[in-house]
Each structure stands twice: as C-alpha cells, then as structure tokens.
Amino acid sequence: MTTHPLPTTLRQVRKASRLSQLELSLRLGVSQRHVSFVESGRANPSRELLMAWLQELDAPLVVRNEVMLKAGYAPVYSATPLGDPALAQIDEALGQLLTAHDPMPALVIDAHWNVLRLNRGGQWLAATLMPWAAELAATEPVNVLDLLAHPEGFTKPIVNLPEMGPAFLAHLRHEAAIQPAIAPKVEAFAALLRDRIGEQNLHKIEPQPTAPVLTTRYRTQYGELAFFSMFTTFGTPQDITLASLRVEHIFAADEATHAVLRAQVH
C-alpha cells in the first residue's frame, strides 16, 4: 500500500468497504463532489475529515496510519510489540484461550497471517499435515499463506479442495483489497489452486452449500480428519498490534476427528 498515492489508497479502501461515493459523503456530512475531488487528488482533506473518513470505512488501524502519513499528518495509533510489558495482560489472555482450546488446534496470527502462537493441538495438526515443516518453524517465522501456496503445504492433503479452495480464495482476495501487502501471497495460492483444480473450477462456488459452515477435510495417517474454524478478535482495539491479531479456533467437524485429537494430543 505504501507505493500508492493517497487518492488511490482512499479509493481502494472505499471500494473494499463496498460503499459508493454518495453513501460515504452522506455518512461524512460532506458533498459527493468533495469526496470525488479528494479521491482524484484535486482536494486535500483536513486531518479531522480524514480520520472520520477512515473510521466510516472501518479501515484497519495500520492502513489508517499509512493514510495519515501520506496526507502529511502524524500517525494516530501505536504499534506495541506483543512481548512488551505493556501487553502482558493481553499476552496472558491469548495464552489462556489457546490452552483452553486443547486438544483442538488453535493459533494466533497477525494481519499478514504470520503464526505467533500455537497450542498443543495446533502443533500436532501442523506436524501431522506437514512433517517437513518442523525444521522451518525452528528457524524462521511461519506464514499460513506461504504454507497454503507451498506444493507440499496445507493444501496438498485437503480432500475437498475444489469446494474449499475457491471459497477461501475469495475471502483472502477481499482481505487483500484492504491489506495489499498480502496480495502476492494470495495470488501464489491462487496459482497453486489453478494448477490443482483448473481455471474453470477456481471461480466456481457451490450454489447450494451442503453444510452450514465450510468444512475442510484432510487425508492423514489417522484417516480423514474434518475441521471448521472460528476466529476471536479484540473488541475496539486502539493499538495496531492488537487490531491485527486473530485467534483461529479449529474444531472437529465429526466425532471420528474428535476421537483422534483426544487420543493423540497430550
């Protein structure tokens, strides 16, 4: 995003929020003409208007800071490292969430899908699906999007890839519209899907889902394992680090999978 000028960035964020210029102008209490002038670079927004603008678009905090800098204003939000003493209570809360979810897998990821924490269930699942990745995790940060796009990564053992892949790709592309930094990794995943399931199936979403939530099924040495996910985020975070964090809680989608996790994760 840092390579784009202010007008381009503002248009991208508005379109990602699926608001028209008219809708945004009504929310801000300014004319549509003024919104158009700002997005075309013909007018410069005040600091107060720009902050309200980004608030109405629910832009990520990191994007808000980048936009403010591009407009020549000081950034608004801090970015405290997760290990900082100021976030000790937050770190403890994350640890409690992960531990409470065992033996089901759970992980903490940031806005770029870097894995920051794993519980015992998460470590077991990663080792089961990608035994080769253990050495990788010991030497460098692990990124979920990189592992999705890797030929031997998470995507390889997925049984229902034609069902799961396009739906997840659509979600990631929407996320990349707001966080352009992840776009290359998302498109690498798209390229792998194109090779695995074909261009035609890449854009095919099932018109009538067979389950209330998308379930991913993996082929493993323990038989087929099925999971669905939920995400936990912080409410009204005022720090970029906290705003970027998500806890993915992975649940067994059937009793057979649950039994394997109970037996294997200690």
C-alpha atoms as a PDB file:
ATOM      1  CA  MET A   1       0.000   0.000   0.000  1.00  0.00           C
ATOM      2  CA  THR A   2       2.901   2.374   0.657  1.00  0.00           C
ATOM      3  CA  THR A   3       3.600   2.537  -3.099  1.00  0.00           C
ATOM      4  CA  HIS A   4       0.162   4.015  -3.837  1.00  0.00           C
ATOM      5  CA  PRO A   5      -0.600   7.742  -3.576  1.00  0.00           C
ATOM      6  CA  LEU A   6      -3.260   8.947  -1.172  1.00  0.00           C
ATOM      7  CA  PRO A   7      -6.161   9.193  -3.701  1.00  0.00           C
ATOM      8  CA  THR A   8      -5.561   5.633  -4.946  1.00  0.00           C
ATOM      9  CA  THR A   9      -5.430   4.277  -1.405  1.00  0.00           C
ATOM     10  CA  LEU A  10      -8.652   6.031  -0.407  1.00  0.00           C
ATOM     11  CA  ARG A  11     -10.464   4.638  -3.461  1.00  0.00           C
ATOM     12  CA  GLN A  12      -9.201   1.121  -2.707  1.00  0.00           C
ATOM     13  CA  VAL A  13     -10.351   1.238   0.909  1.00  0.00           C
ATOM     14  CA  ARG A  14     -13.775   2.630  -0.033  1.00  0.00           C
ATOM     15  CA  LYS A  15     -14.336   0.005  -2.725  1.00  0.00           C
ATOM     16  CA  ALA A  16     -13.225  -2.755  -0.359  1.00  0.00           C
ATOM     17  CA  SER A  17     -15.876  -1.470   2.060  1.00  0.00           C
ATOM     18  CA  ARG A  18     -18.439  -1.604  -0.789  1.00  0.00           C
ATOM     19  CA  LEU A  19     -19.573   1.984  -0.333  1.00  0.00           C
ATOM     20  CA  SER A  20     -20.307   4.404  -3.159  1.00  0.00           C
ATOM     21  CA  GLN A  21     -19.021   7.950  -3.107  1.00  0.00           C
ATOM     22  CA  LEU A  22     -22.574   9.116  -2.424  1.00  0.00           C
ATOM     23  CA  GLU A  23     -23.019   6.769   0.549  1.00  0.00           C
ATOM     24  CA  LEU A  24     -19.686   7.858   2.014  1.00  0.00           C
ATOM     25  CA  SER A  25     -20.471  11.539   1.534  1.00  0.00           C
ATOM     26  CA  LEU A  26     -23.798  11.145   3.367  1.00  0.00           C
ATOM     27  CA  ARG A  27     -22.087   9.445   6.282  1.00  0.00           C
ATOM     28  CA  LEU A  28     -19.423  12.143   6.473  1.00  0.00           C
ATOM     29  CA  GLY A  29     -21.803  15.058   6.018  1.00  0.00           C
ATOM     30  CA  VAL A  30     -19.902  16.446   3.018  1.00  0.00           C
ATOM     31  CA  SER A  31     -20.807  16.687  -0.656  1.00  0.00           C
ATOM     32  CA  GLN A  32     -20.256  13.828  -3.067  1.00  0.00           C
ATOM     33  CA  ARG A  33     -18.317  16.345  -5.157  1.00  0.00           C
ATOM     34  CA  HIS A  34     -15.837  16.843  -2.318  1.00  0.00           C
ATOM     35  CA  VAL A  35     -15.374  13.081  -1.891  1.00  0.00           C
ATOM     36  CA  SER A  36     -14.757  12.826  -5.641  1.00  0.00           C
ATOM     37  CA  PHE A  37     -12.231  15.680  -5.532  1.00  0.00           C
ATOM     38  CA  VAL A  38     -10.298  14.054  -2.659  1.00  0.00           C
ATOM     39  CA  GLU A  39     -10.257  10.656  -4.396  1.00  0.00           C
ATOM     40  CA  SER A  40      -8.999  12.264  -7.601  1.00  0.00           C
ATOM     41  CA  GLY A  41      -6.304  14.301  -5.858  1.00  0.00           C
ATOM     42  CA  ARG A  42      -7.949  17.648  -6.650  1.00  0.00           C
ATOM     43  CA  ALA A  43      -8.613  18.450  -2.966  1.00  0.00           C
ATOM     44  CA  ASN A  44      -6.758  17.707   0.260  1.00  0.00           C
ATOM     45  CA  PRO A  45      -8.805  16.508   3.250  1.00  0.00           C
ATOM     46  CA  SER A  46      -8.301  18.006   6.686  1.00  0.00           C
ATOM     47  CA  ARG A  47      -6.913  15.781   9.429  1.00  0.00           C
ATOM     48  CA  GLU A  48     -10.311  15.620  11.137  1.00  0.00           C
ATOM     49  CA  LEU A  49     -12.126  14.703   7.924  1.00  0.00           C
ATOM     50  CA  LEU A  50      -9.559  12.061   7.061  1.00  0.00           C
ATOM     51  CA  MET A  51      -9.877  10.433  10.489  1.00  0.00           C
ATOM     52  CA  ALA A  52     -13.682  10.375  10.181  1.00  0.00           C
ATOM     53  CA  TRP A  53     -13.358   9.094   6.596  1.00  0.00           C
ATOM     54  CA  LEU A  54     -11.230   6.108   7.667  1.00  0.00           C
ATOM     55  CA  GLN A  55     -13.496   5.454  10.665  1.00  0.00           C
ATOM     56  CA  GLU A  56     -16.574   5.246   8.428  1.00  0.00           C
ATOM     57  CA  LEU A  57     -14.756   2.802   6.136  1.00  0.00           C
ATOM     58  CA  ASP A  58     -13.651   0.735   9.164  1.00  0.00           C
ATOM     59  CA  ALA A  59     -10.133   0.734   7.734  1.00  0.00           C
ATOM     60  CA  PRO A  60      -7.529  -1.358   9.615  1.00  0.00           C
ATOM     61  CA  LEU A  61      -5.508   0.735  12.044  1.00  0.00           C
ATOM     62  CA  VAL A  62      -2.275   0.121  10.159  1.00  0.00           C
ATOM     63  CA  VAL A  63      -3.938   1.433   6.995  1.00  0.00           C
ATOM     64  CA  ARG A  64      -5.187   4.490   8.886  1.00  0.00           C
ATOM     65  CA  ASN A  65      -1.655   5.311   9.989  1.00  0.00           C
ATOM     66  CA  GLU A  66      -0.313   4.872   6.453  1.00  0.00           C
ATOM     67  CA  VAL A  67      -3.031   7.119   5.030  1.00  0.00           C
ATOM     68  CA  MET A  68      -2.361   9.817   7.613  1.00  0.00           C
ATOM     69  CA  LEU A  69       1.347   9.775   6.745  1.00  0.00           C
ATOM     70  CA  LYS A  70       0.591  10.011   3.033  1.00  0.00           C
ATOM     71  CA  ALA A  71      -1.585  13.043   3.726  1.00  0.00           C
ATOM     72  CA  GLY A  72       1.250  14.697   5.663  1.00  0.00           C
ATOM     73  CA  TYR A  73      -0.197  14.155   9.144  1.00  0.00           C
ATOM     74  CA  ALA A  74       1.247  12.367  12.159  1.00  0.00           C
ATOM     75  CA  PRO A  75       0.155   8.735  12.641  1.00  0.00           C
ATOM     76  CA  VAL A  76      -2.599   8.195  15.196  1.00  0.00           C
ATOM     77  CA  TYR A  77      -2.103   4.654  16.519  1.00  0.00           C
ATOM     78  CA  SER A  78       0.771   2.942  18.323  1.00  0.00           C
ATOM     79  CA  ALA A  79       2.177  -0.467  17.400  1.00  0.00           C
ATOM     80  CA  THR A  80       3.354  -2.097  20.625  1.00  0.00           C
ATOM     81  CA  PRO A  81       5.284  -5.398  20.207  1.00  0.00           C
ATOM     82  CA  LEU A  82       3.369  -8.366  21.599  1.00  0.00           C
ATOM     83  CA  GLY A  83       6.190  -9.179  24.042  1.00  0.00           C
ATOM     84  CA  ASP A  84       6.185  -5.656  25.509  1.00  0.00           C
ATOM     85  CA  PRO A  85       5.353  -5.496  29.263  1.00  0.00           C
ATOM     86  CA  ALA A  86       2.511  -3.111  28.412  1.00  0.00           C
ATOM     87  CA  LEU A  87       0.729  -6.010  26.713  1.00  0.00           C
ATOM     88  CA  ALA A  88       1.419  -8.575  29.440  1.00  0.00           C
ATOM     89  CA  GLN A  89      -2.279  -8.996  30.272  1.00  0.00           C
ATOM     90  CA  ILE A  90      -3.117  -9.354  26.590  1.00  0.00           C
ATOM     91  CA  ASP A  91      -0.424 -11.990  26.155  1.00  0.00           C
ATOM     92  CA  GLU A  92      -1.756 -13.870  29.177  1.00  0.00           C
ATOM     93  CA  ALA A  93      -5.297 -13.767  27.793  1.00  0.00           C
ATOM     94  CA  LEU A  94      -4.095 -15.182  24.480  1.00  0.00           C
ATOM     95  CA  GLY A  95      -2.319 -17.981  26.314  1.00  0.00           C
ATOM     96  CA  GLN A  96      -5.484 -18.815  28.245  1.00  0.00           C
ATOM     97  CA  LEU A  97      -7.518 -19.008  25.014  1.00  0.00           C
ATOM     98  CA  LEU A  98      -5.011 -21.354  23.397  1.00  0.00           C
ATOM     99  CA  THR A  99      -4.699 -23.619  26.437  1.00  0.00           C
ATOM    100  CA  ALA A 100      -8.448 -23.799  26.989  1.00  0.00           C
ATOM    101  CA  HIS A 101      -8.961 -24.974  23.409  1.00  0.00           C
ATOM    102  CA  ASP A 102      -6.653 -28.005  23.684  1.00  0.00           C
ATOM    103  CA  PRO A 103      -6.781 -30.696  22.392  1.00  0.00           C
ATOM    104  CA  MET A 104      -8.461 -28.901  19.485  1.00  0.00           C
ATOM    105  CA  PRO A 105      -5.964 -26.843  17.443  1.00  0.00           C
ATOM    106  CA  ALA A 106      -5.720 -23.077  17.928  1.00  0.00           C
ATOM    107  CA  LEU A 107      -3.256 -20.463  16.729  1.00  0.00           C
ATOM    108  CA  VAL A 108      -2.629 -16.726  16.976  1.00  0.00           C
ATOM    109  CA  ILE A 109      -1.992 -14.965  13.654  1.00  0.00           C
ATOM    110  CA  ASP A 110      -1.384 -11.352  12.668  1.00  0.00           C
ATOM    111  CA  ALA A 111      -2.756  -9.332   9.750  1.00  0.00           C
ATOM    112  CA  HIS A 112      -0.208 -10.877   7.387  1.00  0.00           C
ATOM    113  CA  TRP A 113      -1.092 -14.424   8.528  1.00  0.00           C
ATOM    114  CA  ASN A 114       2.177 -14.936  10.393  1.00  0.00           C
ATOM    115  CA  VAL A 115       1.801 -17.576  13.125  1.00  0.00           C
ATOM    116  CA  LEU A 116       2.669 -16.023  16.504  1.00  0.00           C
ATOM    117  CA  ARG A 117       1.434 -18.721  18.895  1.00  0.00           C
ATOM    118  CA  LEU A 118       0.272 -22.360  18.661  1.00  0.00           C
ATOM    119  CA  ASN A 119      -1.337 -24.583  21.277  1.00  0.00           C
ATOM    120  CA  ARG A 120      -0.539 -28.289  21.599  1.00  0.00           C
ATOM    121  CA  GLY A 121      -3.378 -29.250  19.263  1.00  0.00           C
ATOM    122  CA  GLY A 122      -2.139 -26.796  16.656  1.00  0.00           C
ATOM    123  CA  GLN A 123       1.397 -28.127  16.880  1.00  0.00           C
ATOM    124  CA  TRP A 124       0.127 -31.682  16.468  1.00  0.00           C
ATOM    125  CA  LEU A 125      -2.035 -30.838  13.463  1.00  0.00           C
ATOM    126  CA  ALA A 126       0.769 -28.932  11.718  1.00  0.00           C
ATOM    127  CA  ALA A 127       3.196 -31.818  12.309  1.00  0.00           C
ATOM    128  CA  THR A 128       0.602 -34.335  11.065  1.00  0.00           C
ATOM    129  CA  LEU A 129      -0.189 -32.452   7.854  1.00  0.00           C
ATOM    130  CA  MET A 130       3.342 -31.190   7.135  1.00  0.00           C
ATOM    131  CA  PRO A 131       6.030 -33.201   8.977  1.00  0.00           C
ATOM    132  CA  TRP A 132       8.718 -31.420   6.960  1.00  0.00           C
ATOM    133  CA  ALA A 133       7.723 -28.001   8.339  1.00  0.00           C
ATOM    134  CA  ALA A 134       9.047 -28.645  11.865  1.00  0.00           C
ATOM    135  CA  GLU A 135      12.570 -27.529  10.929  1.00  0.00           C
ATOM    136  CA  LEU A 136      11.180 -24.481   9.128  1.00  0.00           C
ATOM    137  CA  ALA A 137       9.335 -23.321  12.237  1.00  0.00           C
ATOM    138  CA  ALA A 138      12.535 -23.529  14.280  1.00  0.00           C
ATOM    139  CA  THR A 139      14.481 -21.150  12.037  1.00  0.00           C
ATOM    140  CA  GLU A 140      12.049 -18.516  10.739  1.00  0.00           C
ATOM    141  CA  PRO A 141       8.512 -17.162  11.220  1.00  0.00           C
ATOM    142  CA  VAL A 142       5.823 -19.377   9.723  1.00  0.00           C
ATOM    143  CA  ASN A 143       3.257 -17.785   7.433  1.00  0.00           C
ATOM    144  CA  VAL A 144      -0.054 -19.562   6.794  1.00  0.00           C
ATOM    145  CA  LEU A 145      -0.393 -18.113   3.282  1.00  0.00           C
ATOM    146  CA  ASP A 146       3.086 -19.353   2.353  1.00  0.00           C
ATOM    147  CA  LEU A 147       2.152 -22.824   3.586  1.00  0.00           C
ATOM    148  CA  LEU A 148      -1.090 -22.751   1.588  1.00  0.00           C
ATOM    149  CA  ALA A 149       0.838 -21.931  -1.599  1.00  0.00           C
ATOM    150  CA  HIS A 150       3.665 -24.417  -0.948  1.00  0.00           C
ATOM    151  CA  PRO A 151       3.440 -27.564  -3.152  1.00  0.00           C
ATOM    152  CA  GLU A 152       3.846 -29.742  -0.039  1.00  0.00           C
ATOM    153  CA  GLY A 153       1.902 -27.448   2.278  1.00  0.00           C
ATOM    154  CA  PHE A 154      -1.540 -27.346   3.867  1.00  0.00           C
ATOM    155  CA  THR A 155      -3.319 -27.564   0.517  1.00  0.00           C
ATOM    156  CA  LYS A 156      -1.843 -30.909  -0.535  1.00  0.00           C
ATOM    157  CA  PRO A 157      -3.745 -33.201   1.906  1.00  0.00           C
ATOM    158  CA  ILE A 158      -7.105 -31.412   1.501  1.00  0.00           C
ATOM    159  CA  VAL A 159      -9.655 -33.883   0.168  1.00  0.00           C
ATOM    160  CA  ASN A 160     -12.346 -31.341  -0.754  1.00  0.00           C
ATOM    161  CA  LEU A 161     -10.069 -28.734  -2.338  1.00  0.00           C
ATOM    162  CA  PRO A 162     -12.497 -27.922  -5.219  1.00  0.00           C
ATOM    163  CA  GLU A 163     -15.083 -26.942  -2.583  1.00  0.00           C
ATOM    164  CA  MET A 164     -12.848 -25.250  -0.008  1.00  0.00           C
ATOM    165  CA  GLY A 165     -10.234 -23.613  -2.241  1.00  0.00           C
ATOM    166  CA  PRO A 166     -12.356 -21.130  -4.257  1.00  0.00           C
ATOM    167  CA  ALA A 167     -14.355 -20.027  -1.204  1.00  0.00           C
ATOM    168  CA  PHE A 168     -11.224 -19.396   0.861  1.00  0.00           C
ATOM    169  CA  LEU A 169      -9.519 -17.642  -2.056  1.00  0.00           C
ATOM    170  CA  ALA A 170     -12.475 -15.266  -2.415  1.00  0.00           C
ATOM    171  CA  HIS A 171     -12.212 -14.443   1.296  1.00  0.00           C
ATOM    172  CA  LEU A 172      -8.457 -13.832   1.058  1.00  0.00           C
ATOM    173  CA  ARG A 173      -8.798 -11.618  -2.010  1.00  0.00           C
ATOM    174  CA  HIS A 174     -11.326  -9.463  -0.170  1.00  0.00           C
ATOM    175  CA  GLU A 175      -8.868  -9.190   2.708  1.00  0.00           C
ATOM    176  CA  ALA A 176      -6.040  -8.330   0.301  1.00  0.00           C
ATOM    177  CA  ALA A 177      -8.085  -5.433  -1.078  1.00  0.00           C
ATOM    178  CA  ILE A 178      -7.704  -3.781   2.320  1.00  0.00           C
ATOM    179  CA  GLN A 179      -4.267  -5.228   3.123  1.00  0.00           C
ATOM    180  CA  PRO A 180      -2.406  -5.129  -0.229  1.00  0.00           C
ATOM    181  CA  ALA A 181       0.792  -6.405   1.388  1.00  0.00           C
ATOM    182  CA  ILE A 182      -0.626  -9.948   1.420  1.00  0.00           C
ATOM    183  CA  ALA A 183      -1.786  -9.817  -2.230  1.00  0.00           C
ATOM    184  CA  PRO A 184       1.308 -11.571  -3.707  1.00  0.00           C
ATOM    185  CA  LYS A 185       0.929 -14.479  -1.272  1.00  0.00           C
ATOM    186  CA  VAL A 186      -2.800 -14.710  -2.003  1.00  0.00           C
ATOM    187  CA  GLU A 187      -2.141 -14.818  -5.735  1.00  0.00           C
ATOM    188  CA  ALA A 188       0.507 -17.511  -5.196  1.00  0.00           C
ATOM    189  CA  PHE A 189      -2.220 -19.566  -3.503  1.00  0.00           C
ATOM    190  CA  ALA A 190      -4.494 -18.826  -6.475  1.00  0.00           C
ATOM    191  CA  ALA A 191      -1.811 -20.096  -8.867  1.00  0.00           C
ATOM    192  CA  LEU A 192      -1.494 -23.332  -6.915  1.00  0.00           C
ATOM    193  CA  LEU A 193      -5.281 -23.788  -6.932  1.00  0.00           C
ATOM    194  CA  ARG A 194      -5.321 -23.147 -10.672  1.00  0.00           C
ATOM    195  CA  ASP A 195      -2.826 -25.975 -11.149  1.00  0.00           C
ATOM    196  CA  ARG A 196      -4.633 -28.346  -8.780  1.00  0.00           C
ATOM    197  CA  ILE A 197      -8.288 -27.873  -9.702  1.00  0.00           C
ATOM    198  CA  GLY A 198      -8.213 -25.984 -13.020  1.00  0.00           C
ATOM    199  CA  GLU A 199      -9.065 -22.421 -14.050  1.00  0.00           C
ATOM    200  CA  GLN A 200     -12.770 -23.171 -14.541  1.00  0.00           C
ATOM    201  CA  ASN A 201     -13.203 -24.582 -11.039  1.00  0.00           C
ATOM    202  CA  LEU A 202     -11.182 -21.752  -9.486  1.00  0.00           C
ATOM    203  CA  HIS A 203     -14.110 -19.363  -9.883  1.00  0.00           C
ATOM    204  CA  LYS A 204     -16.837 -21.867  -9.131  1.00  0.00           C
ATOM    205  CA  ILE A 205     -18.655 -21.519  -5.807  1.00  0.00           C
ATOM    206  CA  GLU A 206     -21.202 -24.159  -4.872  1.00  0.00           C
ATOM    207  CA  PRO A 207     -24.694 -22.590  -5.292  1.00  0.00           C
ATOM    208  CA  GLN A 208     -26.183 -24.752  -2.548  1.00  0.00           C
ATOM    209  CA  PRO A 209     -23.777 -25.414   0.344  1.00  0.00           C
ATOM    210  CA  THR A 210     -24.143 -28.891   1.799  1.00  0.00           C
ATOM    211  CA  ALA A 211     -23.222 -27.806   5.350  1.00  0.00           C
ATOM    212  CA  PRO A 212     -23.949 -24.708   7.470  1.00  0.00           C
ATOM    213  CA  VAL A 213     -20.204 -23.917   7.747  1.00  0.00           C
ATOM    214  CA  LEU A 214     -17.346 -24.644   5.352  1.00  0.00           C
ATOM    215  CA  THR A 215     -15.557 -27.802   6.465  1.00  0.00           C
ATOM    216  CA  THR A 216     -12.021 -28.695   5.421  1.00  0.00           C
ATOM    217  CA  ARG A 217     -11.262 -32.395   5.123  1.00  0.00           C
ATOM    218  CA  TYR A 218      -7.683 -33.681   5.296  1.00  0.00           C
ATOM    219  CA  ARG A 219      -6.252 -37.034   4.243  1.00  0.00           C
ATOM    220  CA  THR A 220      -3.919 -38.194   7.057  1.00  0.00           C
ATOM    221  CA  GLN A 221      -2.299 -41.305   8.517  1.00  0.00           C
ATOM    222  CA  TYR A 222      -5.168 -41.360  11.032  1.00  0.00           C
ATOM    223  CA  GLY A 223      -7.814 -41.409   8.322  1.00  0.00           C
ATOM    224  CA  GLU A 224      -9.824 -38.448   7.081  1.00  0.00           C
ATOM    225  CA  LEU A 225      -9.958 -35.554   9.556  1.00  0.00           C
ATOM    226  CA  ALA A 226     -12.582 -32.807   9.228  1.00  0.00           C
ATOM    227  CA  PHE A 227     -12.438 -29.329  10.765  1.00  0.00           C
ATOM    228  CA  PHE A 228     -14.197 -25.962  10.765  1.00  0.00           C
ATOM    229  CA  SER A 229     -12.907 -22.689  12.206  1.00  0.00           C
ATOM    230  CA  MET A 230     -13.977 -19.711  14.303  1.00  0.00           C
ATOM    231  CA  PHE A 231     -11.997 -16.509  14.880  1.00  0.00           C
ATOM    232  CA  THR A 232     -11.631 -14.385  18.019  1.00  0.00           C
ATOM    233  CA  THR A 233     -10.535 -10.741  17.785  1.00  0.00           C
ATOM    234  CA  PHE A 234     -10.151  -7.917  20.277  1.00  0.00           C
ATOM    235  CA  GLY A 235     -13.084  -5.564  20.657  1.00  0.00           C
ATOM    236  CA  THR A 236     -12.363  -1.903  19.770  1.00  0.00           C
ATOM    237  CA  PRO A 237      -8.554  -2.229  19.792  1.00  0.00           C
ATOM    238  CA  GLN A 238      -6.603   1.043  19.862  1.00  0.00           C
ATOM    239  CA  ASP A 239      -3.182  -0.418  19.033  1.00  0.00           C
ATOM    240  CA  ILE A 240      -2.101  -1.733  15.625  1.00  0.00           C
ATOM    241  CA  THR A 241      -0.652  -4.918  17.085  1.00  0.00           C
ATOM    242  CA  LEU A 242      -3.873  -5.800  18.888  1.00  0.00           C
ATOM    243  CA  ALA A 243      -6.021  -4.851  15.907  1.00  0.00           C
ATOM    244  CA  SER A 244      -4.055  -7.224  13.695  1.00  0.00           C
ATOM    245  CA  LEU A 245      -4.261 -10.241  15.992  1.00  0.00           C
ATOM    246  CA  ARG A 246      -6.728 -13.077  15.481  1.00  0.00           C
ATOM    247  CA  VAL A 247      -7.085 -16.366  17.289  1.00  0.00           C
ATOM    248  CA  GLU A 248      -8.212 -19.151  14.994  1.00  0.00           C
ATOM    249  CA  HIS A 249     -10.074 -21.850  16.925  1.00  0.00           C
ATOM    250  CA  ILE A 250     -10.226 -25.074  14.916  1.00  0.00           C
ATOM    251  CA  PHE A 251     -12.984 -27.536  15.838  1.00  0.00           C
ATOM    252  CA  ALA A 252     -13.521 -31.164  14.925  1.00  0.00           C
ATOM    253  CA  ALA A 253     -16.392 -31.421  12.456  1.00  0.00           C
ATOM    254  CA  ASP A 254     -17.237 -35.029  13.350  1.00  0.00           C
ATOM    255  CA  GLU A 255     -16.827 -37.464  16.204  1.00  0.00           C
ATOM    256  CA  ALA A 256     -14.130 -39.509  14.435  1.00  0.00           C
ATOM    257  CA  THR A 257     -11.892 -36.436  14.180  1.00  0.00           C
ATOM    258  CA  HIS A 258     -12.619 -35.523  17.790  1.00  0.00           C
ATOM    259  CA  ALA A 259     -11.621 -39.004  18.925  1.00  0.00           C
ATOM    260  CA  VAL A 260      -8.297 -38.829  17.075  1.00  0.00           C
ATOM    261  CA  LEU A 261      -7.446 -35.477  18.682  1.00  0.00           C
ATOM    262  CA  ARG A 262      -8.339 -36.719  22.171  1.00  0.00           C
ATOM    263  CA  ALA A 263      -6.132 -39.777  21.676  1.00  0.00           C
ATOM    264  CA  GLN A 264      -3.152 -38.056  20.072  1.00  0.00           C
ATOM    265  CA  VAL A 265      -2.789 -34.683  21.790  1.00  0.00           C
ATOM    266  CA  HIS A 266      -1.358 -34.930  25.292  1.00  0.00           C
END
